[in-house]
Amino acid sequence: MIFSSIKNLKTIYLYLLSVLCFVLANLIRDENIIIYYVLLVLGLGLFIIGITKKRNTK
């Protein structure tokens, strides 16, 4: 469901969403630690999905 729509995105969009998650995580690090870790894990997940997608297309 959600994974299929994420995997259909272009690789550059996955990387940009990953960077956006990391930036937002750093902005709210001191205010809400739970959202900080959620955004970090989400950013890391998007980055890994982007790497695997790029690796599979070669």
PDB file of N, CA and C in Angstrom:
ATOM      1  N   MET A   1       0.824  -1.184   0.000  1.00  0.00           N
ATOM      2  CA  MET A   1       0.000   0.000   0.000  1.00  0.00           C
ATOM      3  C   MET A   1       0.872   1.252   0.000  1.00  0.00           C
ATOM      4  N   ILE A   2       1.322   1.662   1.163  1.00  0.00           N
ATOM      5  CA  ILE A   2       2.155   2.855   1.237  1.00  0.00           C
ATOM      6  C   ILE A   2       3.535   2.567   0.661  1.00  0.00           C
ATOM      7  N   PHE A   3       4.067   1.362   0.937  1.00  0.00           N
ATOM      8  CA  PHE A   3       5.383   1.024   0.419  1.00  0.00           C
ATOM      9  C   PHE A   3       5.401   1.002  -1.099  1.00  0.00           C
ATOM     10  N   SER A   4       4.332   0.545  -1.719  1.00  0.00           N
ATOM     11  CA  SER A   4       4.307   0.498  -3.176  1.00  0.00           C
ATOM     12  C   SER A   4       4.323   1.904  -3.765  1.00  0.00           C
ATOM     13  N   SER A   5       3.664   2.845  -3.128  1.00  0.00           N
ATOM     14  CA  SER A   5       3.692   4.214  -3.640  1.00  0.00           C
ATOM     15  C   SER A   5       5.041   4.873  -3.382  1.00  0.00           C
ATOM     16  N   ILE A   6       5.703   4.514  -2.285  1.00  0.00           N
ATOM     17  CA  ILE A   6       7.037   5.064  -2.017  1.00  0.00           C
ATOM     18  C   ILE A   6       8.048   4.482  -2.996  1.00  0.00           C
ATOM     19  N   LYS A   7       7.939   3.207  -3.291  1.00  0.00           N
ATOM     20  CA  LYS A   7       8.892   2.573  -4.203  1.00  0.00           C
ATOM     21  C   LYS A   7       8.695   3.024  -5.642  1.00  0.00           C
ATOM     22  N   ASN A   8       7.546   3.586  -5.986  1.00  0.00           N
ATOM     23  CA  ASN A   8       7.314   4.070  -7.341  1.00  0.00           C
ATOM     24  C   ASN A   8       7.849   5.480  -7.555  1.00  0.00           C
ATOM     25  N   LEU A   9       8.279   6.146  -6.491  1.00  0.00           N
ATOM     26  CA  LEU A   9       8.846   7.486  -6.626  1.00  0.00           C
ATOM     27  C   LEU A   9      10.212   7.415  -7.294  1.00  0.00           C
ATOM     28  N   LYS A  10      10.600   8.503  -7.938  1.00  0.00           N
ATOM     29  CA  LYS A  10      11.939   8.570  -8.506  1.00  0.00           C
ATOM     30  C   LYS A  10      12.955   8.648  -7.373  1.00  0.00           C
ATOM     31  N   THR A  11      14.153   8.215  -7.663  1.00  0.00           N
ATOM     32  CA  THR A  11      15.201   8.140  -6.646  1.00  0.00           C
ATOM     33  C   THR A  11      15.528   9.512  -6.069  1.00  0.00           C
ATOM     34  N   ILE A  12      15.547  10.533  -6.884  1.00  0.00           N
ATOM     35  CA  ILE A  12      15.902  11.870  -6.403  1.00  0.00           C
ATOM     36  C   ILE A  12      14.890  12.373  -5.384  1.00  0.00           C
ATOM     37  N   TYR A  13      13.619  12.025  -5.568  1.00  0.00           N
ATOM     38  CA  TYR A  13      12.599  12.441  -4.608  1.00  0.00           C
ATOM     39  C   TYR A  13      12.774  11.732  -3.269  1.00  0.00           C
ATOM     40  N   LEU A  14      13.198  10.475  -3.310  1.00  0.00           N
ATOM     41  CA  LEU A  14      13.461   9.756  -2.061  1.00  0.00           C
ATOM     42  C   LEU A  14      14.611  10.402  -1.302  1.00  0.00           C
ATOM     43  N   TYR A  15      15.667  10.795  -2.034  1.00  0.00           N
ATOM     44  CA  TYR A  15      16.795  11.459  -1.388  1.00  0.00           C
ATOM     45  C   TYR A  15      16.391  12.822  -0.825  1.00  0.00           C
ATOM     46  N   LEU A  16      15.588  13.566  -1.570  1.00  0.00           N
ATOM     47  CA  LEU A  16      15.144  14.880  -1.090  1.00  0.00           C
ATOM     48  C   LEU A  16      14.252  14.753   0.140  1.00  0.00           C
ATOM     49  N   LEU A  17      13.365  13.770   0.149  1.00  0.00           N
ATOM     50  CA  LEU A  17      12.531  13.542   1.333  1.00  0.00           C
ATOM     51  C   LEU A  17      13.377  13.116   2.526  1.00  0.00           C
ATOM     52  N   SER A  18      14.415  12.350   2.266  1.00  0.00           N
ATOM     53  CA  SER A  18      15.319  11.933   3.329  1.00  0.00           C
ATOM     54  C   SER A  18      16.026  13.140   3.936  1.00  0.00           C
ATOM     55  N   VAL A  19      16.532  14.021   3.100  1.00  0.00           N
ATOM     56  CA  VAL A  19      17.205  15.229   3.589  1.00  0.00           C
ATOM     57  C   VAL A  19      16.226  16.111   4.349  1.00  0.00           C
ATOM     58  N   LEU A  20      15.009  16.230   3.844  1.00  0.00           N
ATOM     59  CA  LEU A  20      13.990  17.023   4.526  1.00  0.00           C
ATOM     60  C   LEU A  20      13.691  16.465   5.913  1.00  0.00           C
ATOM     61  N   CYS A  21      13.607  15.149   6.026  1.00  0.00           N
ATOM     62  CA  CYS A  21      13.373  14.525   7.339  1.00  0.00           C
ATOM     63  C   CYS A  21      14.522  14.812   8.289  1.00  0.00           C
ATOM     64  N   PHE A  22      15.762  14.736   7.797  1.00  0.00           N
ATOM     65  CA  PHE A  22      16.917  15.011   8.654  1.00  0.00           C
ATOM     66  C   PHE A  22      16.942  16.473   9.112  1.00  0.00           C
ATOM     67  N   VAL A  23      16.609  17.386   8.216  1.00  0.00           N
ATOM     68  CA  VAL A  23      16.596  18.810   8.575  1.00  0.00           C
ATOM     69  C   VAL A  23      15.506  19.091   9.594  1.00  0.00           C
ATOM     70  N   LEU A  24      14.306  18.565   9.364  1.00  0.00           N
ATOM     71  CA  LEU A  24      13.217  18.764  10.328  1.00  0.00           C
ATOM     72  C   LEU A  24      13.546  18.140  11.677  1.00  0.00           C
ATOM     73  N   ALA A  25      14.208  16.986  11.652  1.00  0.00           N
ATOM     74  CA  ALA A  25      14.594  16.338  12.906  1.00  0.00           C
ATOM     75  C   ALA A  25      15.561  17.213  13.688  1.00  0.00           C
ATOM     76  N   ASN A  26      16.498  17.832  13.005  1.00  0.00           N
ATOM     77  CA  ASN A  26      17.449  18.696  13.700  1.00  0.00           C
ATOM     78  C   ASN A  26      16.802  19.975  14.210  1.00  0.00           C
ATOM     79  N   LEU A  27      15.776  20.446  13.526  1.00  0.00           N
ATOM     80  CA  LEU A  27      15.104  21.663  13.980  1.00  0.00           C
ATOM     81  C   LEU A  27      14.290  21.437  15.248  1.00  0.00           C
ATOM     82  N   ILE A  28      13.719  20.248  15.408  1.00  0.00           N
ATOM     83  CA  ILE A  28      12.855  20.005  16.570  1.00  0.00           C
ATOM     84  C   ILE A  28      13.500  19.087  17.602  1.00  0.00           C
ATOM     85  N   ARG A  29      14.810  18.919  17.517  1.00  0.00           N
ATOM     86  CA  ARG A  29      15.515  17.995  18.406  1.00  0.00           C
ATOM     87  C   ARG A  29      15.297  18.312  19.875  1.00  0.00           C
ATOM     88  N   ASP A  30      15.352  19.559  20.253  1.00  0.00           N
ATOM     89  CA  ASP A  30      15.237  19.937  21.665  1.00  0.00           C
ATOM     90  C   ASP A  30      13.791  19.990  22.155  1.00  0.00           C
ATOM     91  N   GLU A  31      12.847  20.156  21.251  1.00  0.00           N
ATOM     92  CA  GLU A  31      11.456  20.349  21.660  1.00  0.00           C
ATOM     93  C   GLU A  31      10.693  19.041  21.874  1.00  0.00           C
ATOM     94  N   ASN A  32      10.886  18.076  20.975  1.00  0.00           N
ATOM     95  CA  ASN A  32      10.127  16.826  21.071  1.00  0.00           C
ATOM     96  C   ASN A  32      11.026  15.672  20.631  1.00  0.00           C
ATOM     97  N   ILE A  33      11.500  14.903  21.582  1.00  0.00           N
ATOM     98  CA  ILE A  33      12.481  13.855  21.302  1.00  0.00           C
ATOM     99  C   ILE A  33      11.870  12.677  20.547  1.00  0.00           C
ATOM    100  N   ILE A  34      10.584  12.404  20.751  1.00  0.00           N
ATOM    101  CA  ILE A  34       9.942  11.275  20.071  1.00  0.00           C
ATOM    102  C   ILE A  34       9.834  11.548  18.569  1.00  0.00           C
ATOM    103  N   ILE A  35       9.379  12.739  18.207  1.00  0.00           N
ATOM    104  CA  ILE A  35       9.273  13.093  16.789  1.00  0.00           C
ATOM    105  C   ILE A  35      10.659  13.172  16.160  1.00  0.00           C
ATOM    106  N   TYR A  36      11.647  13.583  16.939  1.00  0.00           N
ATOM    107  CA  TYR A  36      13.028  13.624  16.464  1.00  0.00           C
ATOM    108  C   TYR A  36      13.474  12.235  16.008  1.00  0.00           C
ATOM    109  N   TYR A  37      13.265  11.230  16.854  1.00  0.00           N
ATOM    110  CA  TYR A  37      13.681   9.878  16.492  1.00  0.00           C
ATOM    111  C   TYR A  37      12.833   9.296  15.364  1.00  0.00           C
ATOM    112  N   VAL A  38      11.560   9.623  15.323  1.00  0.00           N
ATOM    113  CA  VAL A  38      10.701   9.149  14.230  1.00  0.00           C
ATOM    114  C   VAL A  38      11.191   9.709  12.898  1.00  0.00           C
ATOM    115  N   LEU A  39      11.514  10.996  12.877  1.00  0.00           N
ATOM    116  CA  LEU A  39      12.002  11.605  11.641  1.00  0.00           C
ATOM    117  C   LEU A  39      13.371  11.065  11.244  1.00  0.00           C
ATOM    118  N   LEU A  40      14.219  10.784  12.227  1.00  0.00           N
ATOM    119  CA  LEU A  40      15.521  10.198  11.911  1.00  0.00           C
ATOM    120  C   LEU A  40      15.369   8.820  11.273  1.00  0.00           C
ATOM    121  N   VAL A  41      14.513   7.993  11.851  1.00  0.00           N
ATOM    122  CA  VAL A  41      14.299   6.648  11.305  1.00  0.00           C
ATOM    123  C   VAL A  41      13.640   6.729   9.931  1.00  0.00           C
ATOM    124  N   LEU A  42      12.692   7.631   9.769  1.00  0.00           N
ATOM    125  CA  LEU A  42      12.031   7.804   8.477  1.00  0.00           C
ATOM    126  C   LEU A  42      13.025   8.276   7.412  1.00  0.00           C
ATOM    127  N   GLY A  43      13.867   9.238   7.767  1.00  0.00           N
ATOM    128  CA  GLY A  43      14.885   9.714   6.832  1.00  0.00           C
ATOM    129  C   GLY A  43      15.866   8.632   6.448  1.00  0.00           C
ATOM    130  N   LEU A  44      16.282   7.845   7.420  1.00  0.00           N
ATOM    131  CA  LEU A  44      17.196   6.744   7.140  1.00  0.00           C
ATOM    132  C   LEU A  44      16.526   5.690   6.260  1.00  0.00           C
ATOM    133  N   GLY A  45      15.262   5.400   6.536  1.00  0.00           N
ATOM    134  CA  GLY A  45      14.530   4.430   5.724  1.00  0.00           C
ATOM    135  C   GLY A  45      14.377   4.886   4.284  1.00  0.00           C
ATOM    136  N   LEU A  46      14.033   6.152   4.090  1.00  0.00           N
ATOM    137  CA  LEU A  46      13.897   6.677   2.731  1.00  0.00           C
ATOM    138  C   LEU A  46      15.227   6.655   1.993  1.00  0.00           C
ATOM    139  N   PHE A  47      16.300   6.949   2.708  1.00  0.00           N
ATOM    140  CA  PHE A  47      17.626   6.923   2.097  1.00  0.00           C
ATOM    141  C   PHE A  47      18.001   5.509   1.662  1.00  0.00           C
ATOM    142  N   ILE A  48      17.733   4.533   2.511  1.00  0.00           N
ATOM    143  CA  ILE A  48      18.053   3.141   2.179  1.00  0.00           C
ATOM    144  C   ILE A  48      17.201   2.647   1.014  1.00  0.00           C
ATOM    145  N   ILE A  49      15.921   3.018   0.998  1.00  0.00           N
ATOM    146  CA  ILE A  49      15.061   2.641  -0.131  1.00  0.00           C
ATOM    147  C   ILE A  49      15.584   3.268  -1.419  1.00  0.00           C
ATOM    148  N   GLY A  50      16.044   4.517  -1.347  1.00  0.00           N
ATOM    149  CA  GLY A  50      16.614   5.179  -2.522  1.00  0.00           C
ATOM    150  C   GLY A  50      17.868   4.496  -3.021  1.00  0.00           C
ATOM    151  N   ILE A  51      18.729   4.080  -2.094  1.00  0.00           N
ATOM    152  CA  ILE A  51      19.960   3.391  -2.490  1.00  0.00           C
ATOM    153  C   ILE A  51      19.640   2.050  -3.147  1.00  0.00           C
ATOM    154  N   THR A  52      18.723   1.298  -2.549  1.00  0.00           N
ATOM    155  CA  THR A  52      18.397  -0.010  -3.128  1.00  0.00           C
ATOM    156  C   THR A  52      17.710   0.133  -4.483  1.00  0.00           C
ATOM    157  N   LYS A  53      16.896   1.161  -4.633  1.00  0.00           N
ATOM    158  CA  LYS A  53      16.233   1.377  -5.919  1.00  0.00           C
ATOM    159  C   LYS A  53      17.258   1.766  -6.982  1.00  0.00           C
ATOM    160  N   LYS A  54      18.200   2.621  -6.613  1.00  0.00           N
ATOM    161  CA  LYS A  54      19.241   3.031  -7.550  1.00  0.00           C
ATOM    162  C   LYS A  54      20.123   1.842  -7.931  1.00  0.00           C
ATOM    163  N   ARG A  55      20.399   1.001  -6.962  1.00  0.00           N
ATOM    164  CA  ARG A  55      21.251  -0.165  -7.198  1.00  0.00           C
ATOM    165  C   ARG A  55      20.555  -1.198  -8.087  1.00  0.00           C
ATOM    166  N   ASN A  56      19.253  -1.337  -7.949  1.00  0.00           N
ATOM    167  CA  ASN A  56      18.508  -2.319  -8.740  1.00  0.00           C
ATOM    168  C   ASN A  56      18.270  -1.868 -10.175  1.00  0.00           C
ATOM    169  N   THR A  57      18.343  -0.567 -10.452  1.00  0.00           N
ATOM    170  CA  THR A  57      18.082  -0.082 -11.807  1.00  0.00           C
ATOM    171  C   THR A  57      19.312  -0.159 -12.690  1.00  0.00           C
ATOM    172  N   LYS A  58      20.482  -0.351 -12.127  1.00  0.00           N
ATOM    173  CA  LYS A  58      21.697  -0.426 -12.949  1.00  0.00           C
ATOM    174  C   LYS A  58      21.824  -1.736 -13.656  1.00  0.00           C
TER     175      LYS A  58
END
